[in-house]
Amino acid sequence: MTERSWQSLDLQWMRAKASDGFGPVGPAVVTGLDWNNLLLTTRLNGKIVQQETTAHMIHKPEKVISYLSQYFTLKPGDMIFMGTPGQTSAVVSGDEISVEIDGIGILSNKIKWP
């Protein structure tokens, strides 16, 4: 989750990418999927605002993992937030974001900030 207006205004992207509620994680880890070609659908208040496959991400998961593992010891259960393919939409406090990934499920999160 990124709040784009904060990202463009701030000197550091921490607030725009790591505010409370911006990194929701589901209750389970799914294995055995082809991470390079999963359909990802994002809904903003029930309306589809993003629908694209992970094949269209700028950097492939293998490339990101290879790069990060040069600097960090990665262990089972570690999470890497890579973003999403396609365009994004602006959000405001009170909006509900739902992300659905084929083979994994749907995770919904209500945005809250002062």
N, C-alpha and C. Protein backbone atom coordinates (compact mmCIF):
# COMPACT_ATOMS: atom_id res chain seq x y z
N MET A 1 0.85 -1.17 0.00
CA MET A 1 0.00 0.00 0.00
C MET A 1 0.89 1.23 0.00
N THR A 2 0.63 2.13 -0.91
CA THR A 2 1.36 3.40 -0.98
C THR A 2 0.37 4.53 -1.15
N GLU A 3 0.53 5.58 -0.40
CA GLU A 3 -0.28 6.79 -0.56
C GLU A 3 0.54 7.73 -1.42
N ARG A 4 0.18 7.82 -2.71
CA ARG A 4 1.01 8.50 -3.70
C ARG A 4 1.22 9.99 -3.43
N SER A 5 0.22 10.70 -2.92
CA SER A 5 0.41 12.13 -2.67
C SER A 5 1.44 12.35 -1.57
N TRP A 6 1.44 11.49 -0.54
CA TRP A 6 2.46 11.58 0.50
C TRP A 6 3.84 11.26 -0.08
N GLN A 7 3.88 10.27 -0.95
CA GLN A 7 5.15 9.85 -1.54
C GLN A 7 5.78 11.01 -2.31
N SER A 8 4.99 11.77 -3.04
CA SER A 8 5.54 12.86 -3.83
C SER A 8 5.87 14.09 -2.99
N LEU A 9 5.26 14.23 -1.81
CA LEU A 9 5.48 15.40 -0.96
C LEU A 9 6.61 15.23 0.05
N ASP A 10 6.84 14.02 0.51
CA ASP A 10 7.77 13.79 1.61
C ASP A 10 9.20 13.62 1.13
N LEU A 11 10.13 13.94 2.00
CA LEU A 11 11.55 13.73 1.70
C LEU A 11 11.91 12.25 1.73
N GLN A 12 11.20 11.48 2.55
CA GLN A 12 11.43 10.05 2.70
C GLN A 12 10.10 9.33 2.48
N TRP A 13 10.09 8.16 1.89
CA TRP A 13 8.85 7.47 1.56
C TRP A 13 8.27 6.66 2.70
N MET A 14 8.85 6.75 3.89
CA MET A 14 8.42 5.93 5.03
C MET A 14 6.93 6.11 5.31
N ARG A 15 6.45 7.33 5.45
CA ARG A 15 5.04 7.56 5.77
C ARG A 15 4.14 7.01 4.66
N ALA A 16 4.52 7.22 3.42
CA ALA A 16 3.69 6.81 2.28
C ALA A 16 3.62 5.30 2.10
N LYS A 17 4.58 4.58 2.61
CA LYS A 17 4.64 3.14 2.39
C LYS A 17 4.53 2.31 3.66
N ALA A 18 4.67 2.92 4.85
CA ALA A 18 4.73 2.12 6.06
C ALA A 18 3.85 2.62 7.19
N SER A 19 2.85 3.43 6.88
CA SER A 19 1.94 3.89 7.93
C SER A 19 1.11 2.72 8.45
N ASP A 20 0.52 2.89 9.63
CA ASP A 20 -0.30 1.82 10.20
C ASP A 20 -1.34 1.35 9.19
N GLY A 21 -1.45 0.05 9.04
CA GLY A 21 -2.45 -0.54 8.14
C GLY A 21 -2.02 -0.64 6.69
N PHE A 22 -0.83 -0.16 6.35
CA PHE A 22 -0.39 -0.15 4.95
C PHE A 22 0.25 -1.46 4.50
N GLY A 23 0.52 -2.39 5.40
CA GLY A 23 1.16 -3.65 5.03
C GLY A 23 0.38 -4.84 5.54
N PRO A 24 -0.90 -4.93 5.20
CA PRO A 24 -1.68 -6.06 5.72
C PRO A 24 -1.16 -7.39 5.19
N VAL A 25 -1.23 -8.40 6.06
CA VAL A 25 -0.76 -9.73 5.71
C VAL A 25 -1.83 -10.72 6.11
N GLY A 26 -2.07 -11.70 5.26
CA GLY A 26 -3.09 -12.70 5.52
C GLY A 26 -2.68 -13.72 6.57
N PRO A 27 -3.59 -14.60 6.91
CA PRO A 27 -3.35 -15.56 7.98
C PRO A 27 -2.54 -16.79 7.57
N ALA A 28 -2.23 -16.92 6.29
CA ALA A 28 -1.54 -18.13 5.84
C ALA A 28 -0.52 -17.80 4.76
N VAL A 29 0.48 -18.67 4.63
CA VAL A 29 1.46 -18.58 3.56
C VAL A 29 1.12 -19.68 2.56
N VAL A 30 1.04 -19.31 1.29
CA VAL A 30 0.70 -20.27 0.24
C VAL A 30 1.96 -20.63 -0.52
N THR A 31 2.17 -21.91 -0.76
CA THR A 31 3.35 -22.37 -1.50
C THR A 31 2.91 -23.12 -2.75
N GLY A 32 3.87 -23.35 -3.64
CA GLY A 32 3.61 -24.16 -4.82
C GLY A 32 2.96 -23.43 -5.98
N LEU A 33 2.97 -22.11 -5.95
CA LEU A 33 2.38 -21.33 -7.04
C LEU A 33 3.47 -20.78 -7.95
N ASP A 34 3.12 -20.46 -9.20
CA ASP A 34 4.04 -19.81 -10.12
C ASP A 34 3.94 -18.31 -9.89
N TRP A 35 4.81 -17.77 -9.06
CA TRP A 35 4.74 -16.36 -8.68
C TRP A 35 4.95 -15.42 -9.86
N ASN A 36 5.43 -15.95 -10.98
CA ASN A 36 5.69 -15.11 -12.14
C ASN A 36 4.47 -14.90 -13.02
N ASN A 37 3.34 -15.54 -12.71
CA ASN A 37 2.17 -15.37 -13.57
C ASN A 37 0.89 -15.60 -12.79
N LEU A 38 0.64 -14.73 -11.81
CA LEU A 38 -0.60 -14.79 -11.03
C LEU A 38 -1.43 -13.54 -11.32
N LEU A 39 -2.73 -13.71 -11.47
CA LEU A 39 -3.61 -12.57 -11.68
C LEU A 39 -3.84 -11.87 -10.35
N LEU A 40 -3.59 -10.57 -10.32
CA LEU A 40 -3.77 -9.76 -9.14
C LEU A 40 -4.86 -8.72 -9.44
N THR A 41 -5.87 -8.66 -8.59
CA THR A 41 -6.97 -7.70 -8.76
C THR A 41 -7.07 -6.85 -7.50
N THR A 42 -7.03 -5.54 -7.67
CA THR A 42 -7.19 -4.62 -6.55
C THR A 42 -8.50 -3.88 -6.71
N ARG A 43 -9.27 -3.84 -5.61
CA ARG A 43 -10.53 -3.12 -5.60
C ARG A 43 -10.46 -1.99 -4.58
N LEU A 44 -10.94 -0.83 -4.96
CA LEU A 44 -11.05 0.32 -4.08
C LEU A 44 -12.53 0.55 -3.84
N ASN A 45 -12.97 0.32 -2.61
CA ASN A 45 -14.39 0.44 -2.26
C ASN A 45 -15.26 -0.39 -3.20
N GLY A 46 -14.79 -1.60 -3.54
CA GLY A 46 -15.55 -2.54 -4.36
C GLY A 46 -15.35 -2.39 -5.86
N LYS A 47 -14.74 -1.31 -6.31
CA LYS A 47 -14.53 -1.07 -7.75
C LYS A 47 -13.13 -1.53 -8.15
N ILE A 48 -13.03 -2.30 -9.24
CA ILE A 48 -11.73 -2.75 -9.72
C ILE A 48 -10.94 -1.54 -10.21
N VAL A 49 -9.75 -1.34 -9.62
CA VAL A 49 -8.89 -0.22 -10.01
C VAL A 49 -7.55 -0.72 -10.57
N GLN A 50 -7.32 -2.01 -10.43
CA GLN A 50 -6.07 -2.58 -10.89
C GLN A 50 -6.30 -4.06 -11.16
N GLN A 51 -5.93 -4.51 -12.34
CA GLN A 51 -6.03 -5.94 -12.65
C GLN A 51 -4.95 -6.27 -13.66
N GLU A 52 -3.99 -7.06 -13.21
CA GLU A 52 -2.83 -7.34 -14.03
C GLU A 52 -2.18 -8.61 -13.51
N THR A 53 -1.39 -9.25 -14.35
CA THR A 53 -0.68 -10.43 -13.87
C THR A 53 0.71 -10.04 -13.37
N THR A 54 1.23 -10.86 -12.48
CA THR A 54 2.57 -10.60 -11.95
C THR A 54 3.63 -10.72 -13.04
N ALA A 55 3.29 -11.29 -14.18
CA ALA A 55 4.23 -11.36 -15.31
C ALA A 55 4.60 -9.97 -15.79
N HIS A 56 3.78 -8.97 -15.50
CA HIS A 56 4.03 -7.61 -15.96
C HIS A 56 4.70 -6.72 -14.91
N MET A 57 5.18 -7.32 -13.83
CA MET A 57 5.91 -6.54 -12.83
C MET A 57 7.25 -6.11 -13.41
N ILE A 58 7.74 -4.97 -12.99
CA ILE A 58 9.01 -4.46 -13.50
C ILE A 58 10.15 -5.41 -13.17
N HIS A 59 10.19 -5.89 -11.93
CA HIS A 59 11.25 -6.81 -11.51
C HIS A 59 10.62 -8.14 -11.11
N LYS A 60 11.12 -9.23 -11.63
CA LYS A 60 10.61 -10.56 -11.35
C LYS A 60 11.02 -10.99 -9.93
N PRO A 61 10.19 -11.82 -9.27
CA PRO A 61 10.51 -12.26 -7.91
C PRO A 61 11.91 -12.85 -7.77
N GLU A 62 12.34 -13.68 -8.72
CA GLU A 62 13.67 -14.30 -8.63
C GLU A 62 14.77 -13.24 -8.60
N LYS A 63 14.59 -12.19 -9.41
CA LYS A 63 15.59 -11.12 -9.47
C LYS A 63 15.64 -10.37 -8.14
N VAL A 64 14.49 -10.08 -7.57
CA VAL A 64 14.43 -9.35 -6.30
C VAL A 64 15.04 -10.19 -5.18
N ILE A 65 14.68 -11.47 -5.11
CA ILE A 65 15.22 -12.34 -4.08
C ILE A 65 16.73 -12.49 -4.22
N SER A 66 17.21 -12.65 -5.43
CA SER A 66 18.64 -12.76 -5.67
C SER A 66 19.36 -11.51 -5.21
N TYR A 67 18.83 -10.36 -5.56
CA TYR A 67 19.45 -9.09 -5.16
C TYR A 67 19.46 -8.92 -3.64
N LEU A 68 18.31 -9.11 -3.02
CA LEU A 68 18.21 -8.91 -1.57
C LEU A 68 19.08 -9.89 -0.80
N SER A 69 19.18 -11.12 -1.30
CA SER A 69 19.96 -12.13 -0.57
C SER A 69 21.45 -11.83 -0.57
N GLN A 70 21.89 -10.89 -1.38
CA GLN A 70 23.29 -10.46 -1.33
C GLN A 70 23.56 -9.61 -0.10
N TYR A 71 22.51 -9.03 0.48
CA TYR A 71 22.67 -8.08 1.59
C TYR A 71 21.97 -8.52 2.88
N PHE A 72 20.98 -9.41 2.76
CA PHE A 72 20.20 -9.86 3.91
C PHE A 72 20.15 -11.37 3.93
N THR A 73 20.19 -11.94 5.11
CA THR A 73 19.98 -13.38 5.24
C THR A 73 18.47 -13.62 5.21
N LEU A 74 17.99 -14.25 4.16
CA LEU A 74 16.57 -14.54 4.03
C LEU A 74 16.28 -15.92 4.59
N LYS A 75 15.23 -16.00 5.37
CA LYS A 75 14.84 -17.27 6.00
C LYS A 75 13.39 -17.58 5.69
N PRO A 76 12.99 -18.84 5.79
CA PRO A 76 11.58 -19.19 5.56
C PRO A 76 10.67 -18.34 6.44
N GLY A 77 9.64 -17.80 5.84
CA GLY A 77 8.70 -16.95 6.56
C GLY A 77 8.98 -15.46 6.39
N ASP A 78 10.17 -15.09 5.91
CA ASP A 78 10.45 -13.69 5.64
C ASP A 78 9.50 -13.19 4.54
N MET A 79 9.12 -11.94 4.63
CA MET A 79 8.23 -11.35 3.62
C MET A 79 8.95 -10.25 2.87
N ILE A 80 8.73 -10.21 1.57
CA ILE A 80 9.28 -9.17 0.72
C ILE A 80 8.09 -8.49 0.04
N PHE A 81 7.91 -7.22 0.32
CA PHE A 81 6.82 -6.46 -0.30
C PHE A 81 7.34 -5.88 -1.61
N MET A 82 6.77 -6.34 -2.72
CA MET A 82 7.27 -5.96 -4.04
C MET A 82 6.38 -4.97 -4.77
N GLY A 83 5.24 -4.63 -4.23
CA GLY A 83 4.34 -3.75 -4.96
C GLY A 83 3.45 -4.55 -5.88
N THR A 84 2.82 -3.86 -6.81
CA THR A 84 1.88 -4.50 -7.72
C THR A 84 2.12 -4.02 -9.14
N PRO A 85 1.74 -4.84 -10.13
CA PRO A 85 1.85 -4.40 -11.52
C PRO A 85 0.68 -3.49 -11.87
N GLY A 86 0.85 -2.64 -12.85
CA GLY A 86 -0.25 -1.79 -13.31
C GLY A 86 -0.31 -0.46 -12.58
N GLN A 87 -1.35 0.29 -12.88
CA GLN A 87 -1.55 1.63 -12.32
C GLN A 87 -2.19 1.56 -10.95
N THR A 88 -2.05 2.64 -10.18
CA THR A 88 -2.65 2.73 -8.85
C THR A 88 -3.64 3.87 -8.81
N SER A 89 -4.42 3.94 -7.74
CA SER A 89 -5.40 5.00 -7.54
C SER A 89 -5.16 5.65 -6.19
N ALA A 90 -5.53 6.92 -6.07
CA ALA A 90 -5.41 7.63 -4.80
C ALA A 90 -6.42 7.07 -3.80
N VAL A 91 -6.06 7.12 -2.52
CA VAL A 91 -6.95 6.66 -1.46
C VAL A 91 -7.06 7.74 -0.40
N VAL A 92 -8.14 7.65 0.39
CA VAL A 92 -8.35 8.55 1.52
C VAL A 92 -8.75 7.72 2.73
N SER A 93 -8.61 8.30 3.90
CA SER A 93 -8.99 7.61 5.12
C SER A 93 -10.44 7.17 5.02
N GLY A 94 -10.71 5.93 5.39
CA GLY A 94 -12.06 5.37 5.31
C GLY A 94 -12.26 4.46 4.11
N ASP A 95 -11.37 4.56 3.10
CA ASP A 95 -11.48 3.68 1.94
C ASP A 95 -11.16 2.25 2.34
N GLU A 96 -11.74 1.30 1.59
CA GLU A 96 -11.42 -0.11 1.79
C GLU A 96 -10.71 -0.62 0.54
N ILE A 97 -9.55 -1.20 0.76
CA ILE A 97 -8.76 -1.79 -0.32
C ILE A 97 -8.84 -3.30 -0.18
N SER A 98 -9.15 -3.98 -1.28
CA SER A 98 -9.15 -5.45 -1.31
C SER A 98 -8.20 -5.88 -2.41
N VAL A 99 -7.35 -6.82 -2.09
CA VAL A 99 -6.43 -7.37 -3.08
C VAL A 99 -6.71 -8.87 -3.18
N GLU A 100 -6.92 -9.31 -4.41
CA GLU A 100 -7.17 -10.73 -4.67
C GLU A 100 -6.07 -11.26 -5.57
N ILE A 101 -5.49 -12.38 -5.19
CA ILE A 101 -4.48 -13.03 -6.01
C ILE A 101 -4.94 -14.45 -6.25
N ASP A 102 -5.03 -14.82 -7.54
CA ASP A 102 -5.47 -16.17 -7.90
C ASP A 102 -4.66 -17.22 -7.16
N GLY A 103 -5.34 -18.20 -6.61
CA GLY A 103 -4.68 -19.29 -5.91
C GLY A 103 -4.35 -18.99 -4.47
N ILE A 104 -4.55 -17.73 -4.06
CA ILE A 104 -4.22 -17.35 -2.69
C ILE A 104 -5.48 -16.91 -1.94
N GLY A 105 -6.21 -15.95 -2.50
CA GLY A 105 -7.42 -15.47 -1.85
C GLY A 105 -7.52 -13.95 -1.88
N ILE A 106 -8.38 -13.42 -1.01
CA ILE A 106 -8.65 -11.98 -0.94
C ILE A 106 -8.28 -11.48 0.45
N LEU A 107 -7.61 -10.33 0.49
CA LEU A 107 -7.30 -9.66 1.74
C LEU A 107 -7.83 -8.24 1.65
N SER A 108 -8.65 -7.84 2.61
CA SER A 108 -9.23 -6.50 2.62
C SER A 108 -8.71 -5.72 3.82
N ASN A 109 -8.57 -4.41 3.62
CA ASN A 109 -8.03 -3.55 4.66
C ASN A 109 -8.70 -2.18 4.56
N LYS A 110 -9.20 -1.67 5.68
CA LYS A 110 -9.79 -0.35 5.73
C LYS A 110 -8.69 0.66 6.08
N ILE A 111 -8.58 1.71 5.30
CA ILE A 111 -7.54 2.72 5.49
C ILE A 111 -7.97 3.69 6.58
N LYS A 112 -7.07 3.91 7.55
CA LYS A 112 -7.34 4.85 8.63
C LYS A 112 -6.10 5.70 8.87
N TRP A 113 -6.24 6.97 8.81
CA TRP A 113 -5.18 7.87 9.23
C TRP A 113 -5.80 9.18 9.67
N PRO A 114 -5.04 9.93 10.45
CA PRO A 114 -5.59 11.20 10.97
C PRO A 114 -5.87 12.20 9.88
